[in-house]
Amino acid sequence: MNQGQAAEQQARHYLEQQGLSFVAANVSYPFGEIDLIMREQQTLVFVEVKYRSSSQFGGAIQALSQAQIRRIRMAASHYLQQNKINPSCRFDVMAITANDINWLKGCF
């Protein structure tokens, strides 16, 4: 398991401890990928997990580009259409460094 996969597992475990339920992981399409899909009550939460070994050079959250946000949104839209569901949705970021987890709700 590489560091990215370990961070995704850590993020999933953390979110489950906060009361969210797991739906899917690593949902991938040619135009984008969703790291985690969780559910918080009636809201579907699309989670981007960003891991950095340190906060030097801006840390994990600075690693999210506008192009990446666009790809995640396209992937989420496709997922909803493919599964014929229309729940309320939210996009969160889990910014993980070696000693810190920051859960940023409704980032984009």
C-alpha atoms as a PDB file:
ATOM      1  CA  MET A   1       0.000   0.000   0.000  1.00  0.00           C
ATOM      2  CA  ASN A   2       1.473   3.371  -0.997  1.00  0.00           C
ATOM      3  CA  GLN A   3       1.182   6.578   1.038  1.00  0.00           C
ATOM      4  CA  GLY A   4      -1.774   7.849  -1.017  1.00  0.00           C
ATOM      5  CA  GLN A   5      -3.748   4.652  -0.408  1.00  0.00           C
ATOM      6  CA  ALA A   6      -2.851   4.721   3.280  1.00  0.00           C
ATOM      7  CA  ALA A   7      -4.060   8.336   3.488  1.00  0.00           C
ATOM      8  CA  GLU A   8      -7.364   7.363   1.844  1.00  0.00           C
ATOM      9  CA  GLN A   9      -7.820   4.566   4.394  1.00  0.00           C
ATOM     10  CA  GLN A  10      -6.992   6.994   7.206  1.00  0.00           C
ATOM     11  CA  ALA A  11      -9.491   9.531   5.821  1.00  0.00           C
ATOM     12  CA  ARG A  12     -12.217   6.894   5.489  1.00  0.00           C
ATOM     13  CA  HIS A  13     -11.662   5.690   9.061  1.00  0.00           C
ATOM     14  CA  TYR A  14     -11.692   9.266  10.371  1.00  0.00           C
ATOM     15  CA  LEU A  15     -14.936  10.107   8.529  1.00  0.00           C
ATOM     16  CA  GLU A  16     -16.600   6.902   9.743  1.00  0.00           C
ATOM     17  CA  GLN A  17     -15.666   7.895  13.307  1.00  0.00           C
ATOM     18  CA  GLN A  18     -17.422  11.215  12.645  1.00  0.00           C
ATOM     19  CA  GLY A  19     -20.627   9.356  11.722  1.00  0.00           C
ATOM     20  CA  LEU A  20     -20.396   9.214   7.917  1.00  0.00           C
ATOM     21  CA  SER A  21     -21.013   5.939   6.126  1.00  0.00           C
ATOM     22  CA  PHE A  22     -18.853   4.547   3.369  1.00  0.00           C
ATOM     23  CA  VAL A  23     -20.344   4.309  -0.123  1.00  0.00           C
ATOM     24  CA  ALA A  24     -17.426   3.796  -2.534  1.00  0.00           C
ATOM     25  CA  ALA A  25     -13.711   4.397  -3.047  1.00  0.00           C
ATOM     26  CA  ASN A  26     -11.566   5.217  -6.061  1.00  0.00           C
ATOM     27  CA  VAL A  27     -14.453   5.738  -8.473  1.00  0.00           C
ATOM     28  CA  SER A  28     -12.619   6.362 -11.703  1.00  0.00           C
ATOM     29  CA  TYR A  29     -13.603   7.564 -15.164  1.00  0.00           C
ATOM     30  CA  PRO A  30     -11.362   8.567 -18.074  1.00  0.00           C
ATOM     31  CA  PHE A  31     -11.891  12.243 -17.195  1.00  0.00           C
ATOM     32  CA  GLY A  32     -11.609  12.149 -13.399  1.00  0.00           C
ATOM     33  CA  GLU A  33     -11.545  10.188 -10.150  1.00  0.00           C
ATOM     34  CA  ILE A  34     -13.270  10.454  -6.795  1.00  0.00           C
ATOM     35  CA  ASP A  35     -11.179   9.224  -3.871  1.00  0.00           C
ATOM     36  CA  LEU A  36     -14.062   8.541  -1.469  1.00  0.00           C
ATOM     37  CA  ILE A  37     -17.821   8.748  -1.590  1.00  0.00           C
ATOM     38  CA  MET A  38     -19.423   8.909   1.832  1.00  0.00           C
ATOM     39  CA  ARG A  39     -22.928   9.588   3.101  1.00  0.00           C
ATOM     40  CA  GLU A  40     -23.792  11.989   5.900  1.00  0.00           C
ATOM     41  CA  GLN A  41     -27.492  11.468   6.637  1.00  0.00           C
ATOM     42  CA  GLN A  42     -29.194  12.275   3.301  1.00  0.00           C
ATOM     43  CA  THR A  43     -26.168  14.046   1.783  1.00  0.00           C
ATOM     44  CA  LEU A  44     -23.729  12.326  -0.549  1.00  0.00           C
ATOM     45  CA  VAL A  45     -20.209  13.572   0.184  1.00  0.00           C
ATOM     46  CA  PHE A  46     -17.533  13.416  -2.514  1.00  0.00           C
ATOM     47  CA  VAL A  47     -14.157  13.481  -0.786  1.00  0.00           C
ATOM     48  CA  GLU A  48     -10.802  14.408  -2.271  1.00  0.00           C
ATOM     49  CA  VAL A  49      -7.934  13.131  -0.115  1.00  0.00           C
ATOM     50  CA  LYS A  50      -4.699  15.104  -0.285  1.00  0.00           C
ATOM     51  CA  TYR A  51      -1.620  13.779   1.483  1.00  0.00           C
ATOM     52  CA  ARG A  52       1.673  15.553   1.990  1.00  0.00           C
ATOM     53  CA  SER A  53       4.512  14.359   4.187  1.00  0.00           C
ATOM     54  CA  SER A  54       4.883  17.898   5.585  1.00  0.00           C
ATOM     55  CA  SER A  55       3.178  21.264   5.425  1.00  0.00           C
ATOM     56  CA  GLN A  56       6.262  22.744   3.760  1.00  0.00           C
ATOM     57  CA  PHE A  57       5.429  24.291   0.343  1.00  0.00           C
ATOM     58  CA  GLY A  58       1.807  24.918   1.336  1.00  0.00           C
ATOM     59  CA  GLY A  59       0.753  21.498   2.539  1.00  0.00           C
ATOM     60  CA  ALA A  60      -1.962  19.227   1.231  1.00  0.00           C
ATOM     61  CA  ILE A  61      -4.743  21.722   0.596  1.00  0.00           C
ATOM     62  CA  GLN A  62      -2.638  23.856  -1.759  1.00  0.00           C
ATOM     63  CA  ALA A  63      -2.193  20.803  -3.977  1.00  0.00           C
ATOM     64  CA  LEU A  64      -5.780  21.027  -5.301  1.00  0.00           C
ATOM     65  CA  SER A  65      -5.863  22.806  -8.663  1.00  0.00           C
ATOM     66  CA  GLN A  66      -8.852  24.300 -10.492  1.00  0.00           C
ATOM     67  CA  ALA A  67      -8.413  21.692 -13.235  1.00  0.00           C
ATOM     68  CA  GLN A  68      -8.552  18.917 -10.644  1.00  0.00           C
ATOM     69  CA  ILE A  69     -11.692  20.407  -9.079  1.00  0.00           C
ATOM     70  CA  ARG A  70     -13.307  20.460 -12.535  1.00  0.00           C
ATOM     71  CA  ARG A  71     -12.417  16.779 -13.105  1.00  0.00           C
ATOM     72  CA  ILE A  72     -13.789  15.762  -9.692  1.00  0.00           C
ATOM     73  CA  ARG A  73     -17.043  17.637 -10.371  1.00  0.00           C
ATOM     74  CA  MET A  74     -17.383  15.933 -13.776  1.00  0.00           C
ATOM     75  CA  ALA A  75     -16.750  12.521 -12.206  1.00  0.00           C
ATOM     76  CA  ALA A  76     -19.333  13.203  -9.472  1.00  0.00           C
ATOM     77  CA  SER A  77     -21.917  14.305 -12.035  1.00  0.00           C
ATOM     78  CA  HIS A  78     -21.293  11.161 -14.080  1.00  0.00           C
ATOM     79  CA  TYR A  79     -21.548   8.980 -10.954  1.00  0.00           C
ATOM     80  CA  LEU A  80     -24.936  10.507 -10.081  1.00  0.00           C
ATOM     81  CA  GLN A  81     -26.245  10.066 -13.633  1.00  0.00           C
ATOM     82  CA  GLN A  82     -24.904   6.527 -13.927  1.00  0.00           C
ATOM     83  CA  ASN A  83     -26.563   5.520 -10.651  1.00  0.00           C
ATOM     84  CA  LYS A  84     -29.760   7.474 -11.420  1.00  0.00           C
ATOM     85  CA  ILE A  85     -29.714   9.273  -8.069  1.00  0.00           C
ATOM     86  CA  ASN A  86     -30.257  12.918  -7.183  1.00  0.00           C
ATOM     87  CA  PRO A  87     -29.357  13.444  -3.517  1.00  0.00           C
ATOM     88  CA  SER A  88     -28.045  16.642  -2.003  1.00  0.00           C
ATOM     89  CA  CYS A  89     -24.272  16.632  -2.466  1.00  0.00           C
ATOM     90  CA  ARG A  90     -21.204  18.199  -0.968  1.00  0.00           C
ATOM     91  CA  PHE A  91     -17.521  18.262  -1.929  1.00  0.00           C
ATOM     92  CA  ASP A  92     -15.055  17.914   0.941  1.00  0.00           C
ATOM     93  CA  VAL A  93     -11.276  17.780   1.140  1.00  0.00           C
ATOM     94  CA  MET A  94      -9.328  15.718   3.646  1.00  0.00           C
ATOM     95  CA  ALA A  95      -5.912  17.381   3.904  1.00  0.00           C
ATOM     96  CA  ILE A  96      -3.576  14.952   5.621  1.00  0.00           C
ATOM     97  CA  THR A  97       0.024  15.524   6.645  1.00  0.00           C
ATOM     98  CA  ALA A  98       2.264  13.228   8.656  1.00  0.00           C
ATOM     99  CA  ASN A  99       0.789  14.451  11.965  1.00  0.00           C
ATOM    100  CA  ASP A 100      -2.448  16.254  11.114  1.00  0.00           C
ATOM    101  CA  ILE A 101      -5.879  15.718   9.535  1.00  0.00           C
ATOM    102  CA  ASN A 102      -7.916  18.691   8.365  1.00  0.00           C
ATOM    103  CA  TRP A 103     -11.463  18.015   7.193  1.00  0.00           C
ATOM    104  CA  LEU A 104     -12.651  20.873   5.022  1.00  0.00           C
ATOM    105  CA  LYS A 105     -16.379  20.651   4.317  1.00  0.00           C
ATOM    106  CA  GLY A 106     -18.023  22.105   1.230  1.00  0.00           C
ATOM    107  CA  CYS A 107     -14.788  23.266  -0.346  1.00  0.00           C
ATOM    108  CA  PHE A 108     -15.924  23.447  -3.945  1.00  0.00           C
END
